[in-house]
Amino acid sequence: MLFITTISFLVVVYDFGFYTSPSWHAFTEVFFPSIIFIFFLAYLLRILFFIQQKTQNWRRYADYLIGLILFITADIGFFHSKILVQNFPWLSFMDTTEFAYALVMFIFAIEISKGTVSLFRVRSNPSLLYAGSFFFFIIIGSGLLMLPRSTNEPLDFIDALFTSTSAVCVTGLIVVDTATYFTQTGQMVIMLLFQVGGLGVMIFTSFFGFFFQGSPTFQNQLFLKDIVNEGKMSKILRTLVKILGFTIFVELIGSVLIFMFQSQPYFSFGQNVWHAVFHSISAFCNAGFSIFTNGLNDVEGGTFQNYHLHLVIALLIVFGGIGFPVILNYFSWIKQKINNAFRTVVRGRRGHRAHHLINVNTRIVSITTLILLVLGTVGFWLLESGNTLNGMSLYGKFVTSFFGAVTPRTAGFNTIDTSGMLIPTTIFTIFLMWVGASPSSCGGGIKTSTLALAILNITSMSRGKDRLDIYKRNIKDRNIRRAFAIIILSILVINFAIFLLSITDGHLGMRNIVFECYSAFSTVGLSLGITEDLSNPGKFILICLMFAGRIGTLTIVVGFFKKLSSYEFKYPQEQIYIN
């Protein structure tokens, strides 16, 4: 099935992406009904086998539904049955090419997800599998963006690779204008890439693989435990469902609000809906892509000084960058409060008191995020009050300053001309970009918890303590070492990229190069306007930098070293003189 679905996927890509001849069209009229009928036979055999094996009911019901859809589609297309369509006119959509595309892609997604789950059985480093999944989608995305139907003019491979990397790594840096260079098909490919890349490739494939393959094995759960940051392995699948459900819910609400505030009368209803959906997903995934030439500073698109829209986008960025463990922790806290209120009001019994329901990680991330947002808003307002904020209303200055504190946290949208910012504001923005979002979120950077642990450790050492205690909890030395390793590696990698870019594109100015490298590594997407002017070697440097920033430098380094199962010995301690 994996081989057949892969061939079918390539046929869909060719038929969808190229301007085909009549002979090819005649071939596809026979191919799609035939291949769907083969899918039906395969699912029929699986259903019979699963009945014999007494598999889970929910898994059988899912296969029943898919098998029924495949049978009806094959019956209408392959056998040209008109009885069903006459008796049920609403089934006519199943005889369209678009539905055949969607059905083949859906079956392909299921099979490729099952194949990904099978990779968990391979005795390889999980870090390499994690990095390899992003690399695989980057290459696939590059090919899809080079299809004739994806662009209005031919796209070079290096530009396609740059755009695909920027989308999968949710960066937002562009070398060609997304609004004018790509067709709606190409824009849809970009949207799918940063949707998958924002949540993480392994989250998507693992969810589909586990759902359609059955209960995850212990080895599968062990592999995904760190990816979804779930301490209890029995709840991993439930956590995946919550993450996807929360994502769809927030993006849907964001689309509705953006549609309300951004819709323009000279755009059709479908265009306004498309603009809202694209920007909602882009904002939540912290991607920073826009289908308006000037982004959120576009007059024609209705985004120029549209402060209500800017505020909605900023809140979507915060939700996408706060981290799923924090969201799920607050969800559990709210659920506990509601249950306690229900017991008190309805049953007249005192609710259970959950000690430390809001864990230390949630508190650190929330407080650090709040501090960065407040300092960023106040700092941007004070530094730019006589510059880019000049002439705005009080509400406009507040929203623009708040947006200026939010968007460097790996989002990349711009409501002002970033090249017009003052030098102090540029430096402050670089710092915010470097910190980035929170762990297990859609954003990049060194992460808020990393900065917090480093500062708290310095404070603890200055007080003469030999350990770090926070909220009556002792922080493991491993976490502290990891935080400082991430900080050091990020500085080394960024500075090395600046050095290389100063050789290949030094004429663009050191200030612009430094800003561009920090933006690429932290997967932000803000630029001072030099991205399109980069040379091919310069683009490749940023491609590597975006990939390293999204995967994590420490994750990549760990991936190339074999982990020791345990330490059975301990060397004598030695004193190293510091300062």
Protein backbone atom coordinates (compact mmCIF):
# COMPACT_ATOMS: atom_id res chain seq x y z
CA MET A 1 0.00 0.00 0.00
CA LEU A 2 2.82 2.41 0.78
CA PHE A 3 4.34 1.87 -2.66
CA ILE A 4 0.99 2.18 -4.46
CA THR A 5 -0.03 5.31 -2.55
CA THR A 6 3.37 6.89 -3.25
CA ILE A 7 2.92 6.32 -6.99
CA SER A 8 -0.61 7.72 -6.75
CA PHE A 9 0.69 10.77 -4.86
CA LEU A 10 3.24 11.46 -7.62
CA VAL A 11 0.51 11.19 -10.25
CA VAL A 12 -1.60 13.69 -8.30
CA VAL A 13 1.35 16.06 -8.01
CA TYR A 14 2.07 15.87 -11.74
CA ASP A 15 -1.58 16.22 -12.75
CA PHE A 16 -2.18 19.04 -10.29
CA GLY A 17 1.04 20.96 -10.79
CA PHE A 18 1.68 20.74 -14.53
CA TYR A 19 -0.28 21.88 -17.54
CA THR A 20 -1.03 18.47 -19.02
CA SER A 21 -1.95 17.25 -22.51
CA PRO A 22 -5.30 15.70 -23.57
CA SER A 23 -3.72 12.23 -23.68
CA TRP A 24 -2.60 12.57 -20.07
CA HIS A 25 -6.09 13.76 -19.15
CA ALA A 26 -7.55 10.63 -20.74
CA PHE A 27 -5.09 8.54 -18.72
CA THR A 28 -6.10 10.13 -15.41
CA GLU A 29 -9.80 9.53 -16.14
CA VAL A 30 -9.01 5.81 -15.99
CA PHE A 31 -6.20 5.91 -13.41
CA PHE A 32 -7.97 7.60 -10.50
CA PRO A 33 -11.10 5.38 -10.44
CA SER A 34 -8.89 2.31 -10.85
CA ILE A 35 -6.47 3.20 -8.08
CA ILE A 36 -9.35 4.09 -5.74
CA PHE A 37 -10.90 0.70 -6.47
CA ILE A 38 -7.56 -0.93 -5.56
CA PHE A 39 -7.56 1.06 -2.32
CA PHE A 40 -11.05 -0.28 -1.60
CA LEU A 41 -9.94 -3.88 -2.13
CA ALA A 42 -6.97 -3.33 0.20
CA TYR A 43 -9.19 -1.86 2.91
CA LEU A 44 -11.68 -4.69 2.46
CA LEU A 45 -8.92 -7.22 3.13
CA ARG A 46 -7.77 -5.22 6.15
CA ILE A 47 -11.30 -5.09 7.56
CA LEU A 48 -11.69 -8.86 7.22
CA PHE A 49 -8.30 -9.39 8.87
CA PHE A 50 -9.07 -6.96 11.71
CA ILE A 51 -12.40 -8.71 12.43
CA GLN A 52 -10.50 -11.96 12.81
CA GLN A 53 -7.89 -10.29 15.04
CA LYS A 54 -10.56 -8.58 17.20
CA THR A 55 -9.00 -5.15 16.91
CA GLN A 56 -10.28 -2.03 18.65
CA ASN A 57 -13.80 -0.87 17.76
CA TRP A 58 -12.82 2.73 16.98
CA ARG A 59 -10.15 1.54 14.60
CA ARG A 60 -12.58 -0.81 12.83
CA TYR A 61 -15.20 1.92 12.52
CA ALA A 62 -12.66 4.28 10.95
CA ASP A 63 -11.72 1.62 8.40
CA TYR A 64 -15.42 0.92 7.73
CA LEU A 65 -16.01 4.59 6.96
CA ILE A 66 -12.94 4.92 4.72
CA GLY A 67 -13.83 1.67 2.92
CA LEU A 68 -17.39 2.88 2.31
CA ILE A 69 -16.16 6.19 0.86
CA LEU A 70 -13.69 4.34 -1.37
CA PHE A 71 -16.41 1.95 -2.58
CA ILE A 72 -18.86 4.73 -3.47
CA THR A 73 -16.14 6.76 -5.22
CA ALA A 74 -14.89 3.75 -7.19
CA ASP A 75 -18.46 2.76 -8.07
CA ILE A 76 -19.28 6.23 -9.39
CA GLY A 77 -16.00 6.76 -11.22
CA PHE A 78 -14.93 3.31 -12.37
CA PHE A 79 -18.28 1.68 -13.07
CA HIS A 80 -19.97 4.99 -14.02
CA SER A 81 -22.90 4.21 -11.79
CA LYS A 82 -25.62 6.83 -12.25
CA ILE A 83 -28.13 5.29 -9.86
CA LEU A 84 -26.39 6.59 -6.76
CA VAL A 85 -26.02 10.08 -8.19
CA GLN A 86 -29.66 10.20 -9.33
CA ASN A 87 -30.99 9.04 -5.97
CA PHE A 88 -28.47 11.05 -3.97
CA PRO A 89 -27.51 14.19 -5.98
CA TRP A 90 -25.21 15.41 -3.22
CA LEU A 91 -22.87 12.50 -4.03
CA SER A 92 -21.98 14.08 -7.37
CA PHE A 93 -19.00 15.85 -5.80
CA MET A 94 -17.35 12.43 -5.37
CA ASP A 95 -17.06 12.22 -9.17
CA THR A 96 -14.85 15.32 -9.36
CA THR A 97 -11.11 15.44 -9.87
CA GLU A 98 -10.64 17.54 -6.74
CA PHE A 99 -12.26 14.86 -4.57
CA ALA A 100 -10.05 12.20 -6.15
CA TYR A 101 -7.01 14.37 -5.34
CA ALA A 102 -8.13 14.77 -1.72
CA LEU A 103 -8.89 11.06 -1.30
CA VAL A 104 -5.55 9.93 -2.71
CA MET A 105 -3.68 12.48 -0.56
CA PHE A 106 -5.59 11.36 2.53
CA ILE A 107 -4.78 7.68 1.98
CA PHE A 108 -1.15 8.63 1.24
CA ALA A 109 -0.98 10.61 4.50
CA ILE A 110 -2.27 7.59 6.43
CA GLU A 111 0.22 5.19 4.87
CA ILE A 112 3.20 7.52 5.20
CA SER A 113 2.24 8.11 8.85
CA LYS A 114 2.16 4.37 9.47
CA GLY A 115 5.59 4.15 7.87
CA THR A 116 6.84 6.89 10.18
CA VAL A 117 5.57 5.02 13.22
CA SER A 118 7.46 1.96 11.97
CA LEU A 119 10.65 4.02 12.04
CA PHE A 120 10.35 4.14 15.82
CA ARG A 121 11.32 0.47 15.89
CA VAL A 122 14.64 1.28 14.23
CA ARG A 123 17.46 1.57 16.73
CA SER A 124 18.57 5.05 15.74
CA ASN A 125 18.92 8.31 17.59
CA PRO A 126 15.52 10.05 17.97
CA SER A 127 17.20 13.39 17.31
CA LEU A 128 18.21 12.25 13.82
CA LEU A 129 14.68 11.04 13.08
CA TYR A 130 13.31 14.37 14.28
CA ALA A 131 15.71 16.37 12.10
CA GLY A 132 15.20 13.98 9.17
CA SER A 133 11.44 14.52 9.22
CA PHE A 134 11.91 18.27 8.74
CA PHE A 135 14.49 17.71 6.01
CA PHE A 136 12.11 15.34 4.19
CA PHE A 137 9.29 17.89 4.17
CA ILE A 138 11.63 20.68 3.08
CA ILE A 139 12.67 18.69 0.00
CA ILE A 140 9.05 17.73 -0.78
CA GLY A 141 7.98 21.36 -0.36
CA SER A 142 10.76 22.58 -2.66
CA GLY A 143 9.54 20.26 -5.41
CA LEU A 144 5.92 21.33 -4.97
CA LEU A 145 6.83 25.02 -5.12
CA MET A 146 8.66 24.49 -8.42
CA LEU A 147 5.54 23.13 -10.13
CA PRO A 148 4.32 25.37 -13.00
CA ARG A 149 0.91 25.84 -11.39
CA SER A 150 2.50 27.02 -8.13
CA THR A 151 4.18 30.13 -9.52
CA ASN A 152 3.43 32.87 -12.01
CA GLU A 153 6.95 32.55 -13.41
CA PRO A 154 9.70 29.91 -13.16
CA LEU A 155 11.31 29.53 -9.73
CA ASP A 156 14.98 28.62 -9.23
CA PHE A 157 15.76 25.62 -7.06
CA ILE A 158 17.70 27.68 -4.50
CA ASP A 159 14.73 30.06 -4.14
CA ALA A 160 12.31 27.14 -3.86
CA LEU A 161 14.54 25.51 -1.24
CA PHE A 162 14.82 28.78 0.68
CA THR A 163 11.04 29.33 0.64
CA SER A 164 10.30 25.74 1.63
CA THR A 165 12.84 25.86 4.48
CA SER A 166 11.44 29.18 5.65
CA ALA A 167 7.92 27.71 5.65
CA VAL A 168 8.67 24.35 7.29
CA CYS A 169 10.91 26.05 9.87
CA VAL A 170 8.18 28.73 10.37
CA THR A 171 10.63 31.55 9.75
CA GLY A 172 8.93 33.84 7.24
CA LEU A 173 11.99 35.17 5.43
CA ILE A 174 11.25 35.43 1.71
CA VAL A 175 13.44 35.86 -1.37
CA VAL A 176 10.42 36.33 -3.68
CA ASP A 177 7.13 38.09 -2.96
CA THR A 178 4.63 35.51 -1.70
CA ALA A 179 1.68 37.67 -2.80
CA THR A 180 2.65 38.13 -6.45
CA TYR A 181 5.18 35.41 -7.30
CA PHE A 182 3.09 32.43 -6.17
CA THR A 183 -0.35 31.47 -7.38
CA GLN A 184 -3.04 30.51 -4.90
CA THR A 185 -1.89 26.91 -5.38
CA GLY A 186 1.65 27.86 -4.38
CA GLN A 187 0.37 29.87 -1.43
CA MET A 188 -1.65 26.86 -0.32
CA VAL A 189 1.48 24.69 -0.47
CA ILE A 190 3.32 27.25 1.68
CA MET A 191 0.43 27.32 4.17
CA LEU A 192 0.42 23.54 4.50
CA LEU A 193 4.20 23.54 4.99
CA PHE A 194 4.20 26.01 7.87
CA GLN A 195 1.12 24.36 9.41
CA VAL A 196 2.93 21.01 9.54
CA GLY A 197 6.26 22.60 10.44
CA GLY A 198 4.73 24.78 13.16
CA LEU A 199 3.29 21.91 15.13
CA GLY A 200 6.12 19.56 14.25
CA VAL A 201 6.19 16.92 11.56
CA MET A 202 6.36 14.07 14.07
CA ILE A 203 3.21 15.25 15.87
CA PHE A 204 1.16 15.06 12.67
CA THR A 205 2.54 11.78 11.42
CA SER A 206 2.43 10.17 14.87
CA PHE A 207 -1.19 11.15 15.38
CA PHE A 208 -2.36 9.70 12.05
CA GLY A 209 -0.11 6.68 12.42
CA PHE A 210 -1.33 5.80 15.91
CA PHE A 211 -4.97 6.52 15.09
CA PHE A 212 -5.11 4.25 12.06
CA GLN A 213 -2.59 1.66 13.20
CA GLY A 214 -3.90 1.06 16.69
CA SER A 215 -2.55 1.58 20.18
CA PRO A 216 1.05 2.79 20.30
CA THR A 217 3.67 0.40 21.57
CA PHE A 218 5.85 1.12 24.58
CA GLN A 219 8.75 1.98 22.26
CA ASN A 220 6.55 4.43 20.31
CA GLN A 221 5.44 6.11 23.52
CA LEU A 222 9.02 6.32 24.77
CA PHE A 223 10.08 8.01 21.53
CA LEU A 224 7.29 10.62 21.63
CA LYS A 225 7.51 11.33 25.36
CA ASP A 226 10.05 14.12 24.94
CA ILE A 227 8.58 15.46 21.68
CA VAL A 228 5.19 16.25 23.23
CA ASN A 229 6.64 16.88 26.72
CA GLU A 230 4.26 14.44 28.37
CA GLY A 231 5.52 12.79 31.54
CA LYS A 232 2.96 9.95 31.54
CA MET A 233 3.40 7.73 28.50
CA SER A 234 -0.16 6.42 28.77
CA LYS A 235 -1.46 9.92 27.96
CA ILE A 236 0.67 10.61 24.87
CA LEU A 237 -2.08 9.88 22.33
CA ARG A 238 -4.56 11.92 24.35
CA THR A 239 -2.04 14.78 24.48
CA LEU A 240 -1.64 14.65 20.69
CA VAL A 241 -5.42 14.94 20.28
CA LYS A 242 -5.52 17.92 22.67
CA ILE A 243 -2.70 19.69 20.82
CA LEU A 244 -4.35 19.27 17.42
CA GLY A 245 -7.78 20.15 18.80
CA PHE A 246 -6.51 23.32 20.48
CA THR A 247 -4.67 24.33 17.30
CA ILE A 248 -7.73 23.92 15.09
CA PHE A 249 -9.95 25.75 17.60
CA VAL A 250 -7.65 28.78 17.97
CA GLU A 251 -6.96 29.01 14.24
CA LEU A 252 -10.70 28.85 13.52
CA ILE A 253 -11.50 31.61 16.00
CA GLY A 254 -8.61 33.66 14.61
CA SER A 255 -9.88 33.22 11.05
CA VAL A 256 -13.33 34.51 12.04
CA LEU A 257 -11.91 37.58 13.82
CA ILE A 258 -9.49 38.38 10.98
CA PHE A 259 -12.34 38.03 8.47
CA MET A 260 -14.39 40.53 10.51
CA PHE A 261 -11.61 43.13 10.80
CA GLN A 262 -9.78 42.71 7.49
CA SER A 263 -12.44 41.99 4.84
CA GLN A 264 -12.41 44.45 1.95
CA PRO A 265 -15.35 45.13 -0.42
CA TYR A 266 -13.18 44.97 -3.55
CA PHE A 267 -12.23 41.36 -2.67
CA SER A 268 -14.70 38.54 -3.22
CA PHE A 269 -16.10 36.58 -0.27
CA GLY A 270 -13.85 33.64 -1.13
CA GLN A 271 -10.76 35.87 -1.29
CA ASN A 272 -11.53 37.44 2.09
CA VAL A 273 -11.99 33.97 3.62
CA TRP A 274 -8.71 32.80 2.09
CA HIS A 275 -6.86 35.85 3.43
CA ALA A 276 -8.30 35.26 6.92
CA VAL A 277 -7.46 31.53 7.03
CA PHE A 278 -3.93 32.03 5.68
CA HIS A 279 -3.02 34.78 8.13
CA SER A 280 -4.64 33.03 11.10
CA ILE A 281 -2.61 29.85 10.54
CA SER A 282 0.52 31.87 9.78
CA ALA A 283 0.12 33.86 13.01
CA PHE A 284 -0.59 30.90 15.29
CA CYS A 285 2.30 28.91 13.80
CA ASN A 286 4.55 31.98 14.26
CA ALA A 287 5.39 31.70 10.54
CA GLY A 288 5.14 35.37 9.56
CA PHE A 289 4.13 34.68 5.95
CA SER A 290 1.65 37.11 4.40
CA ILE A 291 -0.12 37.11 1.04
CA PHE A 292 0.01 40.90 0.93
CA THR A 293 3.10 42.51 -0.56
CA ASN A 294 3.68 44.81 2.42
CA GLY A 295 2.45 42.34 5.02
CA LEU A 296 0.39 43.91 7.79
CA ASN A 297 1.46 47.33 6.56
CA ASP A 298 -0.38 46.98 3.24
CA VAL A 299 -2.86 49.70 2.23
CA GLU A 300 -4.56 47.73 -0.56
CA GLY A 301 -4.98 44.65 1.62
CA GLY A 302 -6.65 46.68 4.36
CA THR A 303 -3.98 45.90 6.94
CA PHE A 304 -2.33 49.36 7.13
CA GLN A 305 -2.93 50.78 10.63
CA ASN A 306 -5.75 48.26 11.14
CA TYR A 307 -5.10 48.10 14.86
CA HIS A 308 -7.91 45.67 15.70
CA LEU A 309 -6.46 43.24 13.16
CA HIS A 310 -2.94 43.78 14.50
CA LEU A 311 -4.12 43.00 18.04
CA VAL A 312 -5.80 39.75 16.92
CA ILE A 313 -2.64 38.68 15.06
CA ALA A 314 -0.51 39.50 18.12
CA LEU A 315 -2.71 37.39 20.41
CA LEU A 316 -2.57 34.47 17.97
CA ILE A 317 1.22 34.73 18.01
CA VAL A 318 1.25 34.65 21.82
CA PHE A 319 -1.00 31.56 21.92
CA GLY A 320 1.19 29.80 19.36
CA GLY A 321 4.41 30.73 21.13
CA ILE A 322 3.51 30.09 24.76
CA GLY A 323 4.03 26.33 24.41
CA PHE A 324 1.59 23.44 24.40
CA PRO A 325 2.67 22.10 27.84
CA VAL A 326 1.72 25.47 29.35
CA ILE A 327 -1.63 25.51 27.53
CA LEU A 328 -2.44 21.96 28.64
CA ASN A 329 -1.38 22.76 32.22
CA TYR A 330 -3.72 25.76 32.36
CA PHE A 331 -6.44 23.61 30.78
CA SER A 332 -6.08 21.07 33.61
CA TRP A 333 -6.15 23.89 36.18
CA ILE A 334 -9.34 25.41 34.73
CA LYS A 335 -10.94 21.95 34.49
CA GLN A 336 -10.14 21.34 38.17
CA LYS A 337 -11.64 24.71 39.16
CA ILE A 338 -14.84 23.98 37.21
CA ASN A 339 -15.15 20.52 38.77
CA ASN A 340 -14.67 21.98 42.25
CA ALA A 341 -17.30 24.64 41.61
CA PHE A 342 -19.71 21.97 40.34
CA ARG A 343 -19.18 19.82 43.44
CA THR A 344 -19.69 22.83 45.72
CA VAL A 345 -22.79 24.30 44.06
CA VAL A 346 -24.61 21.18 42.83
CA ARG A 347 -23.60 18.44 45.23
CA GLY A 348 -22.88 20.62 48.25
CA ARG A 349 -19.50 19.01 48.80
CA ARG A 350 -16.14 20.66 49.08
CA GLY A 351 -13.99 20.30 45.97
CA HIS A 352 -10.65 18.55 45.92
CA ARG A 353 -7.64 20.79 46.40
CA ALA A 354 -4.90 20.00 43.92
CA HIS A 355 -1.50 20.99 45.24
CA HIS A 356 0.95 22.46 42.73
CA LEU A 357 -1.43 21.92 39.80
CA ILE A 358 0.31 24.82 38.03
CA ASN A 359 3.80 23.36 37.73
CA VAL A 360 7.11 25.20 37.90
CA ASN A 361 7.64 25.10 34.13
CA THR A 362 4.32 26.87 33.52
CA ARG A 363 5.10 29.52 36.12
CA ILE A 364 8.57 30.21 34.74
CA VAL A 365 7.39 30.39 31.14
CA SER A 366 4.35 32.56 31.98
CA ILE A 367 6.27 35.04 34.13
CA THR A 368 9.17 35.31 31.67
CA THR A 369 6.78 35.79 28.75
CA LEU A 370 4.85 38.47 30.64
CA ILE A 371 8.05 40.32 31.59
CA LEU A 372 9.34 40.26 28.01
CA LEU A 373 5.99 41.50 26.67
CA VAL A 374 5.78 44.37 29.17
CA LEU A 375 9.42 45.41 28.78
CA GLY A 376 9.20 45.04 25.01
CA THR A 377 6.05 47.15 24.75
CA VAL A 378 7.34 49.92 27.02
CA GLY A 379 10.79 49.87 25.42
CA PHE A 380 9.45 50.03 21.86
CA TRP A 381 7.09 52.87 22.80
CA LEU A 382 9.84 54.94 24.45
CA LEU A 383 12.45 54.34 21.73
CA GLU A 384 10.17 54.82 18.72
CA SER A 385 7.78 57.49 20.02
CA GLY A 386 9.41 60.16 17.88
CA ASN A 387 10.13 57.89 14.93
CA THR A 388 7.88 55.13 13.55
CA LEU A 389 5.13 55.85 16.11
CA ASN A 390 4.98 59.53 15.24
CA GLY A 391 1.50 60.67 14.24
CA MET A 392 -0.39 57.64 15.58
CA SER A 393 -3.25 57.79 18.05
CA LEU A 394 -2.74 56.63 21.64
CA TYR A 395 -4.46 53.31 20.88
CA GLY A 396 -2.40 52.97 17.71
CA LYS A 397 0.86 53.56 19.58
CA PHE A 398 -0.08 50.98 22.21
CA VAL A 399 -1.06 48.29 19.68
CA THR A 400 1.99 48.96 17.48
CA SER A 401 4.32 48.89 20.50
CA PHE A 402 2.71 45.69 21.78
CA PHE A 403 3.01 44.18 18.32
CA GLY A 404 6.65 45.28 18.21
CA ALA A 405 7.24 43.32 21.42
CA VAL A 406 5.34 40.22 20.19
CA THR A 407 6.46 39.80 16.59
CA PRO A 408 10.22 39.43 17.32
CA ARG A 409 9.26 36.41 19.46
CA THR A 410 9.65 34.35 16.23
CA ALA A 411 6.53 35.62 14.38
CA GLY A 412 8.01 37.91 11.72
CA PHE A 413 4.99 40.04 10.81
CA ASN A 414 5.60 43.74 10.42
CA THR A 415 3.16 46.61 10.93
CA ILE A 416 5.87 49.23 10.33
CA ASP A 417 8.89 49.55 8.07
CA THR A 418 11.49 47.66 10.11
CA SER A 419 14.35 49.24 8.16
CA GLY A 420 13.26 52.60 9.57
CA MET A 421 13.75 51.59 13.21
CA LEU A 422 16.38 53.36 15.27
CA ILE A 423 19.63 51.60 16.17
CA PRO A 424 18.67 51.08 19.86
CA THR A 425 15.32 49.59 18.80
CA THR A 426 17.09 47.30 16.33
CA ILE A 427 19.43 46.03 19.05
CA PHE A 428 16.52 45.52 21.45
CA THR A 429 14.60 43.64 18.72
CA ILE A 430 17.64 41.41 18.11
CA PHE A 431 17.62 40.47 21.80
CA LEU A 432 13.90 39.61 21.68
CA MET A 433 14.47 37.54 18.53
CA TRP A 434 17.32 35.67 20.18
CA VAL A 435 15.17 34.74 23.20
CA GLY A 436 12.23 33.70 21.03
CA ALA A 437 9.20 31.71 22.16
CA SER A 438 8.70 28.98 24.75
CA PRO A 439 9.57 25.25 24.65
CA SER A 440 7.31 22.87 22.68
CA SER A 441 5.68 25.76 20.85
CA CYS A 442 5.51 26.84 17.23
CA GLY A 443 8.32 29.35 17.73
CA GLY A 444 12.10 29.26 17.80
CA GLY A 445 14.91 31.05 19.62
CA ILE A 446 16.77 29.83 22.69
CA LYS A 447 13.38 29.79 24.51
CA THR A 448 12.08 31.75 27.48
CA SER A 449 12.79 29.00 30.02
CA THR A 450 16.42 28.84 28.90
CA LEU A 451 16.90 32.55 29.58
CA ALA A 452 15.03 32.31 32.89
CA LEU A 453 17.12 29.37 34.14
CA ALA A 454 20.35 31.13 33.19
CA ILE A 455 19.39 34.33 35.02
CA LEU A 456 18.06 32.46 38.06
CA ASN A 457 21.21 30.36 38.23
CA ILE A 458 23.40 33.47 38.14
CA THR A 459 21.27 35.01 40.89
CA SER A 460 21.51 31.83 42.96
CA MET A 461 25.29 31.68 42.57
CA SER A 462 25.65 35.35 43.54
CA ARG A 463 23.87 34.51 46.80
CA GLY A 464 26.37 31.74 47.52
CA LYS A 465 24.01 28.81 46.87
CA ASP A 466 25.28 25.58 45.36
CA ARG A 467 21.92 24.61 43.87
CA LEU A 468 18.94 26.25 42.19
CA ASP A 469 15.60 26.20 44.04
CA ILE A 470 12.43 27.70 42.51
CA TYR A 471 8.96 27.65 44.08
CA LYS A 472 10.06 25.08 46.67
CA ARG A 473 11.37 22.82 43.92
CA ASN A 474 14.97 21.91 43.15
CA ILE A 475 15.94 22.25 39.48
CA LYS A 476 18.02 19.41 38.10
CA ASP A 477 21.63 20.18 37.22
CA ARG A 478 21.01 18.58 33.82
CA ASN A 479 18.48 21.33 32.95
CA ILE A 480 20.88 24.08 33.97
CA ARG A 481 23.74 22.58 31.95
CA ARG A 482 21.41 22.19 28.99
CA ALA A 483 20.32 25.84 29.22
CA PHE A 484 23.89 27.15 29.18
CA ALA A 485 24.84 24.74 26.39
CA ILE A 486 21.96 26.07 24.25
CA ILE A 487 23.01 29.66 24.91
CA ILE A 488 26.67 29.05 24.03
CA LEU A 489 25.86 27.01 20.92
CA SER A 490 23.40 29.62 19.66
CA ILE A 491 25.97 32.41 19.99
CA LEU A 492 28.66 30.33 18.27
CA VAL A 493 26.41 29.29 15.36
CA ILE A 494 24.96 32.77 14.80
CA ASN A 495 28.36 34.45 14.89
CA PHE A 496 29.81 31.86 12.53
CA ALA A 497 26.95 32.55 10.11
CA ILE A 498 27.57 36.30 10.41
CA PHE A 499 31.24 35.68 9.59
CA LEU A 500 30.36 33.63 6.49
CA LEU A 501 27.68 36.05 5.33
CA SER A 502 30.08 38.98 5.70
CA ILE A 503 32.33 37.18 3.21
CA THR A 504 29.61 36.31 0.67
CA ASP A 505 27.42 39.41 1.04
CA GLY A 506 29.47 41.93 3.00
CA HIS A 507 28.34 44.79 0.73
CA LEU A 508 24.84 44.62 2.28
CA GLY A 509 26.07 46.12 5.55
CA MET A 510 27.04 44.56 8.86
CA ARG A 511 23.96 45.85 10.70
CA ASN A 512 21.64 44.23 8.14
CA ILE A 513 23.62 40.98 8.15
CA VAL A 514 23.59 40.65 11.95
CA PHE A 515 19.85 41.32 12.04
CA GLU A 516 19.23 38.80 9.24
CA CYS A 517 21.24 36.03 10.93
CA TYR A 518 19.52 36.43 14.29
CA SER A 519 16.16 36.47 12.52
CA ALA A 520 16.97 33.30 10.56
CA PHE A 521 18.35 31.34 13.52
CA SER A 522 15.43 32.28 15.78
CA THR A 523 12.97 31.52 12.93
CA VAL A 524 11.54 35.03 13.20
CA GLY A 525 11.31 36.30 9.64
CA LEU A 526 11.89 39.99 10.26
CA SER A 527 14.32 41.64 7.88
CA LEU A 528 15.82 45.04 7.20
CA GLY A 529 15.22 44.48 3.50
CA ILE A 530 18.25 42.52 2.28
CA THR A 531 16.83 38.99 1.93
CA GLU A 532 15.96 39.32 -1.76
CA ASP A 533 19.43 40.76 -2.50
CA LEU A 534 21.37 37.84 -1.02
CA SER A 535 23.65 35.81 -3.26
CA ASN A 536 23.05 32.09 -3.72
CA PRO A 537 25.79 31.18 -1.19
CA GLY A 538 24.25 33.68 1.23
CA LYS A 539 20.81 32.11 0.78
CA PHE A 540 22.27 28.67 1.45
CA ILE A 541 23.89 29.95 4.66
CA LEU A 542 20.53 31.22 5.88
CA ILE A 543 18.86 27.94 4.86
CA CYS A 544 21.26 26.04 7.12
CA LEU A 545 20.78 28.62 9.86
CA MET A 546 16.98 28.37 9.72
CA PHE A 547 17.16 24.57 9.82
CA ALA A 548 19.57 24.60 12.78
CA GLY A 549 17.43 27.14 14.63
CA ARG A 550 14.21 25.19 14.18
CA ILE A 551 15.62 21.76 15.03
CA GLY A 552 17.85 23.12 17.80
CA THR A 553 21.63 23.20 17.76
CA LEU A 554 21.88 20.98 20.82
CA THR A 555 19.46 18.47 19.27
CA ILE A 556 21.61 18.29 16.13
CA VAL A 557 24.80 17.87 18.15
CA VAL A 558 23.23 15.15 20.30
CA GLY A 559 22.01 13.39 17.16
CA PHE A 560 25.57 12.69 16.03
CA PHE A 561 26.68 11.15 19.29
CA LYS A 562 25.62 7.83 20.73
CA LYS A 563 23.98 8.16 24.11
CA LEU A 564 25.51 6.30 27.04
CA SER A 565 22.88 4.18 28.76
CA SER A 566 24.28 4.82 32.22
CA TYR A 567 27.40 5.86 34.10
CA GLU A 568 28.78 2.99 36.17
CA PHE A 569 31.69 5.00 37.47
CA LYS A 570 32.65 8.44 38.71
CA TYR A 571 36.05 10.10 38.30
CA PRO A 572 37.75 12.02 41.13
CA GLN A 573 36.78 15.70 41.24
CA GLU A 574 39.24 18.38 40.20
CA GLN A 575 39.28 22.12 40.79
CA ILE A 576 39.27 24.48 37.79
CA TYR A 577 40.09 28.13 38.53
CA ILE A 578 37.46 30.59 37.28
CA ASN A 579 38.14 34.36 37.42
